Amino acid sequence: MSELSPKTSEKAFKKRVIALAYDFDGTLCPDAMQNHGLLPFLNLDTRFWTEVKEFRNQYRSVEILTYMQLLMNYMNNYNIDWRSKLMELGESVPLFHGVQEWFDHINQRVFELSKGRIEVRHYIISSGLEEMITANLVGKKANRVFASSYTWKDNAPFGVARAITDASKPQYLFRINKGREDYLDDINDHMPEDDRPIPFSHIIFFGDGETDVPCMTVATKNGGHAIAVYDPGKPAAVEKCKLLYRDKRVNFYAPADYRKGSELWARTDIILQKMIADIRLEWANHLFDARVLDR
């Protein structure tokens, strides 16, 4: 009898979820999302980011908070429904090759490999704007988007509700790990490893640079996997990935080509096969324990 067949044990063995977590800017989308539509709409260009860094250096401020505050100042020069506008602009943010099909292909692959008994979930963890990401195809395919956001009054931003920095990104991996996905859920309470629904060994994190290092480190040091990607149109970007690999921040790096048959697809597929094999073994051990220890 297969270790995956007894239906009475399927409910009892709960750790049957694989999580793929992604940064957005530079990982799924070329460049910063704001450069694609939002800054041009505000009659700004990429010099906006120079302004952000100058402000940060002058006032020793947090860069993410700085960009959100300066961006809000520019946005409030226009009396429009900014929530709707951000969603409209977010829909048209371009994605790397294959991203549109990636999520469905991964879901189908896990279904095939596990015969439908293991679930896969997709999470976005981004410093970018939640309103733009959730309207994008990526946000619609993801199970959950964790991203920076404004507080709103009459559809105009009037404060920062949440700023996700490189240092705070790892908390969202722990939210996934512990099943505490609501922003108001307390993740600091102790939770035994056996009670955590998605072990780190079932998590793959995808990122593109230094701001993703904390998440990469948390994933790999806790038994998970981290993959770095780079824009194939920017040859210099590969050097960042090489450094991440040399420093053992990631298990692998590849061009941000999400199409079937790409390097990224092939390595991710191998990791998924290993994860599913590990889960089958964990499940078999669970059933064996139930037979032997419950007598």
Protein backbone atom coordinates (compact mmCIF):
# COMPACT_ATOMS: atom_id res chain seq x y z
CA MET A 1 0.00 0.00 0.00
CA SER A 2 1.37 3.40 -0.97
CA GLU A 3 2.33 5.72 1.87
CA LEU A 4 0.18 8.39 0.21
CA SER A 5 -2.96 6.33 -0.23
CA PRO A 6 -4.82 6.00 3.12
CA LYS A 7 -7.38 8.80 3.07
CA THR A 8 -7.78 8.58 6.82
CA SER A 9 -4.17 9.70 7.20
CA GLU A 10 -4.21 12.48 4.60
CA LYS A 11 -5.97 14.84 7.02
CA ALA A 12 -3.79 13.83 9.92
CA PHE A 13 -0.55 14.64 8.06
CA LYS A 14 -0.77 18.40 7.60
CA LYS A 15 2.65 19.37 6.28
CA ARG A 16 1.68 18.87 2.65
CA VAL A 17 2.32 22.39 1.35
CA ILE A 18 5.23 23.77 -0.67
CA ALA A 19 5.70 27.56 -0.73
CA LEU A 20 7.41 29.59 -3.43
CA ALA A 21 8.12 33.16 -2.28
CA TYR A 22 9.26 35.90 -4.64
CA ASP A 23 10.60 39.41 -4.55
CA PHE A 24 8.94 41.49 -7.30
CA ASP A 25 11.14 44.33 -8.62
CA GLY A 26 14.04 42.86 -10.58
CA THR A 27 12.85 39.32 -9.89
CA LEU A 28 9.51 39.00 -11.67
CA CYS A 29 9.47 42.48 -13.22
CA PRO A 30 12.37 44.23 -14.98
CA ASP A 31 13.56 47.20 -12.92
CA ALA A 32 11.43 49.00 -10.29
CA MET A 33 7.68 48.79 -10.86
CA GLN A 34 7.28 52.57 -10.42
CA ASN A 35 9.45 53.17 -13.50
CA HIS A 36 6.81 51.47 -15.64
CA GLY A 37 3.95 53.97 -15.81
CA LEU A 38 3.80 55.67 -12.42
CA LEU A 39 6.85 57.94 -12.64
CA PRO A 40 6.07 58.94 -16.26
CA PHE A 41 2.46 59.71 -15.24
CA LEU A 42 3.86 62.05 -12.55
CA ASN A 43 6.19 63.64 -15.12
CA LEU A 44 9.15 62.13 -13.28
CA ASP A 45 11.97 59.94 -14.52
CA THR A 46 14.52 57.69 -12.86
CA ARG A 47 16.18 60.79 -11.36
CA PHE A 48 13.47 60.42 -8.73
CA TRP A 49 15.57 57.65 -7.19
CA THR A 50 18.54 60.00 -6.99
CA GLU A 51 16.32 62.42 -5.09
CA VAL A 52 15.36 59.60 -2.73
CA LYS A 53 19.00 58.75 -2.01
CA GLU A 54 19.96 62.39 -1.51
CA PHE A 55 17.11 62.87 0.97
CA ARG A 56 18.06 59.65 2.74
CA ASN A 57 21.69 60.72 3.04
CA GLN A 58 20.84 64.22 4.21
CA TYR A 59 18.34 63.19 6.87
CA ARG A 60 19.69 59.69 7.59
CA SER A 61 16.23 58.31 6.90
CA VAL A 62 15.02 54.83 5.96
CA GLU A 63 15.14 54.60 2.16
CA ILE A 64 11.81 52.78 1.75
CA LEU A 65 10.00 55.30 3.96
CA THR A 66 11.69 58.11 2.05
CA TYR A 67 10.61 56.90 -1.38
CA MET A 68 7.05 56.34 -0.17
CA GLN A 69 6.85 59.79 1.42
CA LEU A 70 8.31 61.64 -1.59
CA LEU A 71 6.15 59.64 -3.98
CA MET A 72 3.05 60.47 -1.92
CA ASN A 73 3.96 64.17 -2.04
CA TYR A 74 4.08 64.05 -5.83
CA MET A 75 0.89 62.00 -6.06
CA ASN A 76 -1.05 64.48 -3.95
CA ASN A 77 -0.38 67.21 -6.51
CA TYR A 78 -3.04 65.45 -8.58
CA ASN A 79 -6.66 65.33 -7.45
CA ILE A 80 -7.52 61.88 -8.75
CA ASP A 81 -8.61 58.50 -7.39
CA TRP A 82 -5.10 57.24 -6.66
CA ARG A 83 -6.15 53.80 -5.52
CA SER A 84 -7.75 53.12 -8.87
CA LYS A 85 -4.89 54.76 -10.74
CA LEU A 86 -2.24 52.64 -9.01
CA MET A 87 -4.21 49.52 -9.82
CA GLU A 88 -4.55 50.60 -13.45
CA LEU A 89 -0.81 51.25 -13.70
CA GLY A 90 -0.04 47.99 -11.88
CA GLU A 91 -1.95 45.94 -14.44
CA SER A 92 0.44 47.04 -17.19
CA VAL A 93 3.76 46.52 -15.35
CA PRO A 94 5.79 44.25 -17.67
CA LEU A 95 7.06 40.87 -16.53
CA PHE A 96 10.03 38.73 -17.47
CA HIS A 97 9.55 36.06 -20.13
CA GLY A 98 7.42 33.17 -18.93
CA VAL A 99 6.16 34.73 -15.70
CA GLN A 100 2.58 34.79 -16.98
CA GLU A 101 2.55 31.01 -17.39
CA TRP A 102 4.93 30.15 -14.54
CA PHE A 103 2.43 29.94 -11.71
CA ASP A 104 0.02 27.65 -13.55
CA HIS A 105 2.88 25.49 -14.83
CA ILE A 106 4.35 25.10 -11.33
CA ASN A 107 0.93 24.24 -9.92
CA GLN A 108 0.41 21.62 -12.60
CA ARG A 109 3.89 20.17 -12.11
CA VAL A 110 3.43 19.74 -8.36
CA PHE A 111 0.02 18.21 -8.97
CA GLU A 112 1.55 15.69 -11.39
CA LEU A 113 4.53 14.83 -9.21
CA SER A 114 2.44 14.37 -6.07
CA LYS A 115 -0.66 12.91 -7.75
CA GLY A 116 -2.65 15.82 -6.36
CA ARG A 117 -1.79 15.18 -2.73
CA ILE A 118 0.59 18.09 -2.16
CA GLU A 119 -0.38 21.75 -2.49
CA VAL A 120 1.83 24.59 -3.74
CA ARG A 121 1.35 28.24 -2.74
CA HIS A 122 2.89 31.39 -4.18
CA TYR A 123 3.77 34.47 -2.11
CA ILE A 124 5.08 37.90 -3.08
CA ILE A 125 7.27 39.74 -0.56
CA SER A 126 8.07 43.20 -1.90
CA SER A 127 9.09 46.72 -0.92
CA GLY A 128 6.99 47.86 -3.89
CA LEU A 129 3.41 49.09 -3.73
CA GLU A 130 0.77 46.55 -2.78
CA GLU A 131 -1.90 48.40 -4.77
CA MET A 132 0.11 47.94 -7.97
CA ILE A 133 1.16 44.34 -7.39
CA THR A 134 -2.29 43.03 -6.47
CA ALA A 135 -3.70 44.42 -9.73
CA ASN A 136 -0.91 42.83 -11.78
CA LEU A 137 -1.24 39.29 -13.12
CA VAL A 138 1.35 38.22 -10.55
CA GLY A 139 -0.84 39.48 -7.71
CA LYS A 140 -3.84 37.69 -9.14
CA LYS A 141 -1.95 34.39 -9.35
CA ALA A 142 -0.30 34.65 -5.92
CA ASN A 143 -1.95 33.22 -2.82
CA ARG A 144 -0.80 36.24 -0.80
CA VAL A 145 0.94 39.54 -1.48
CA PHE A 146 3.01 41.13 1.28
CA ALA A 147 4.03 44.62 0.15
CA SER A 148 4.37 48.24 1.19
CA SER A 149 1.16 50.27 1.29
CA TYR A 150 -0.36 53.63 2.12
CA THR A 151 -3.18 54.60 4.43
CA TRP A 152 -6.04 56.10 2.46
CA LYS A 153 -8.63 58.84 2.84
CA ASP A 154 -11.09 59.46 0.03
CA ASN A 155 -8.85 57.36 -2.23
CA ALA A 156 -5.86 59.65 -1.66
CA PRO A 157 -2.75 58.52 0.27
CA PHE A 158 -2.18 60.40 3.51
CA GLY A 159 0.35 58.22 5.32
CA VAL A 160 2.42 55.06 5.17
CA ALA A 161 0.57 52.03 6.50
CA ARG A 162 3.38 49.56 5.91
CA ALA A 163 6.92 49.80 4.58
CA ILE A 164 8.64 46.50 3.88
CA THR A 165 12.40 46.88 4.05
CA ASP A 166 15.14 44.37 3.33
CA ALA A 167 15.55 43.94 7.08
CA SER A 168 11.84 43.32 7.69
CA LYS A 169 11.27 41.02 4.71
CA PRO A 170 12.24 37.83 6.60
CA GLN A 171 9.31 38.25 9.00
CA TYR A 172 7.06 37.35 6.08
CA LEU A 173 8.89 34.08 5.55
CA PHE A 174 8.19 33.36 9.21
CA ARG A 175 4.53 34.30 8.65
CA ILE A 176 4.40 31.71 5.87
CA ASN A 177 6.26 29.19 8.02
CA LYS A 178 3.92 29.69 10.99
CA GLY A 179 0.68 30.21 9.07
CA ARG A 180 0.30 33.70 10.57
CA GLU A 181 -0.38 35.52 7.33
CA ASP A 182 -2.60 38.36 8.53
CA TYR A 183 -0.65 41.58 9.11
CA LEU A 184 -2.17 41.80 12.59
CA ASP A 185 -1.17 38.28 13.58
CA ASP A 186 1.57 38.16 16.21
CA ILE A 187 4.49 36.10 14.91
CA ASN A 188 6.74 36.53 17.94
CA ASP A 189 4.99 33.98 20.12
CA HIS A 190 6.88 30.71 20.36
CA MET A 191 5.56 27.99 18.08
CA PRO A 192 7.11 24.50 18.20
CA GLU A 193 8.54 23.37 14.88
CA ASP A 194 6.08 20.47 14.71
CA ASP A 195 3.17 22.92 14.82
CA ARG A 196 4.37 25.08 11.93
CA PRO A 197 2.33 24.29 8.80
CA ILE A 198 5.03 25.04 6.19
CA PRO A 199 8.56 24.02 7.28
CA PHE A 200 11.41 26.08 5.84
CA SER A 201 12.54 22.92 4.06
CA HIS A 202 9.36 23.32 1.96
CA ILE A 203 10.14 26.95 0.97
CA ILE A 204 11.95 28.32 -2.09
CA PHE A 205 12.77 32.05 -2.15
CA PHE A 206 13.47 33.90 -5.41
CA GLY A 207 15.28 37.24 -5.38
CA ASP A 208 17.67 39.35 -7.43
CA GLY A 209 20.02 41.33 -5.22
CA GLU A 210 21.35 42.68 -1.95
CA THR A 211 17.95 43.67 -0.56
CA ASP A 212 16.94 40.01 -0.73
CA VAL A 213 19.94 38.73 1.21
CA PRO A 214 18.13 38.58 4.60
CA CYS A 215 15.37 36.39 3.11
CA MET A 216 17.88 34.25 1.24
CA THR A 217 19.85 33.72 4.42
CA VAL A 218 16.80 32.85 6.51
CA ALA A 219 15.62 30.37 3.88
CA THR A 220 18.93 28.57 3.33
CA LYS A 221 20.04 28.48 6.98
CA ASN A 222 16.74 26.90 7.99
CA GLY A 223 16.82 24.12 5.40
CA GLY A 224 15.03 25.89 2.56
CA HIS A 225 16.27 27.00 -0.84
CA ALA A 226 17.14 30.38 -2.36
CA ILE A 227 17.54 31.17 -6.05
CA ALA A 228 18.92 34.42 -7.48
CA VAL A 229 17.83 35.70 -10.89
CA TYR A 230 19.17 38.45 -13.12
CA ASP A 231 17.88 40.42 -16.07
CA PRO A 232 19.35 38.70 -19.14
CA GLY A 233 19.34 42.10 -20.87
CA LYS A 234 21.80 43.50 -18.30
CA PRO A 235 25.05 41.49 -18.41
CA ALA A 236 26.47 43.35 -15.39
CA ALA A 237 23.59 42.05 -13.26
CA VAL A 238 25.01 38.54 -13.32
CA GLU A 239 27.97 39.71 -11.24
CA LYS A 240 25.66 40.38 -8.28
CA CYS A 241 24.33 36.85 -8.56
CA LYS A 242 27.82 35.37 -8.78
CA LEU A 243 28.72 37.18 -5.56
CA LEU A 244 25.58 35.90 -3.83
CA TYR A 245 26.49 32.36 -4.88
CA ARG A 246 30.12 32.66 -3.83
CA ASP A 247 29.01 33.99 -0.44
CA LYS A 248 26.65 30.99 -0.12
CA ARG A 249 23.59 33.23 0.03
CA VAL A 250 21.85 31.24 -2.70
CA ASN A 251 21.84 27.66 -3.94
CA PHE A 252 21.72 28.64 -7.60
CA TYR A 253 21.40 31.60 -9.99
CA ALA A 254 20.05 31.94 -13.51
CA PRO A 255 18.64 34.45 -15.99
CA ALA A 256 15.13 35.64 -15.12
CA ASP A 257 13.59 33.46 -17.82
CA TYR A 258 10.58 31.64 -16.38
CA ARG A 259 9.68 29.68 -19.49
CA LYS A 260 9.63 25.89 -19.49
CA GLY A 261 12.99 24.53 -20.54
CA SER A 262 14.96 27.47 -19.13
CA GLU A 263 17.77 27.03 -16.59
CA LEU A 264 15.51 28.50 -13.93
CA TRP A 265 12.68 26.11 -14.72
CA ALA A 266 14.99 23.07 -14.77
CA ARG A 267 16.60 23.78 -11.39
CA THR A 268 13.28 24.68 -9.76
CA ASP A 269 11.82 21.43 -11.06
CA ILE A 270 14.67 19.43 -9.49
CA ILE A 271 14.12 21.19 -6.14
CA LEU A 272 10.39 20.47 -6.33
CA GLN A 273 11.07 16.79 -7.02
CA LYS A 274 13.35 16.63 -3.98
CA MET A 275 10.84 18.44 -1.77
CA ILE A 276 8.04 16.12 -2.82
CA ALA A 277 10.22 13.06 -2.22
CA ASP A 278 11.09 14.42 1.24
CA ILE A 279 7.42 15.03 2.00
CA ARG A 280 6.57 11.47 0.91
CA LEU A 281 9.20 10.19 3.33
CA GLU A 282 7.91 12.43 6.14
CA TRP A 283 4.41 11.16 5.41
CA ALA A 284 5.56 7.53 5.43
CA ASN A 285 7.28 8.09 8.78
CA HIS A 286 4.10 9.71 10.08
CA LEU A 287 2.02 6.68 9.09
CA PHE A 288 4.57 4.28 10.54
CA ASP A 289 4.59 6.16 13.84
CA ALA A 290 0.81 6.12 13.89
CA ARG A 291 0.78 2.33 13.44
CA VAL A 292 3.55 1.54 15.91
CA LEU A 293 3.25 4.17 18.62
CA ASP A 294 -0.56 4.27 18.84
CA ARG A 295 -0.88 0.57 19.59
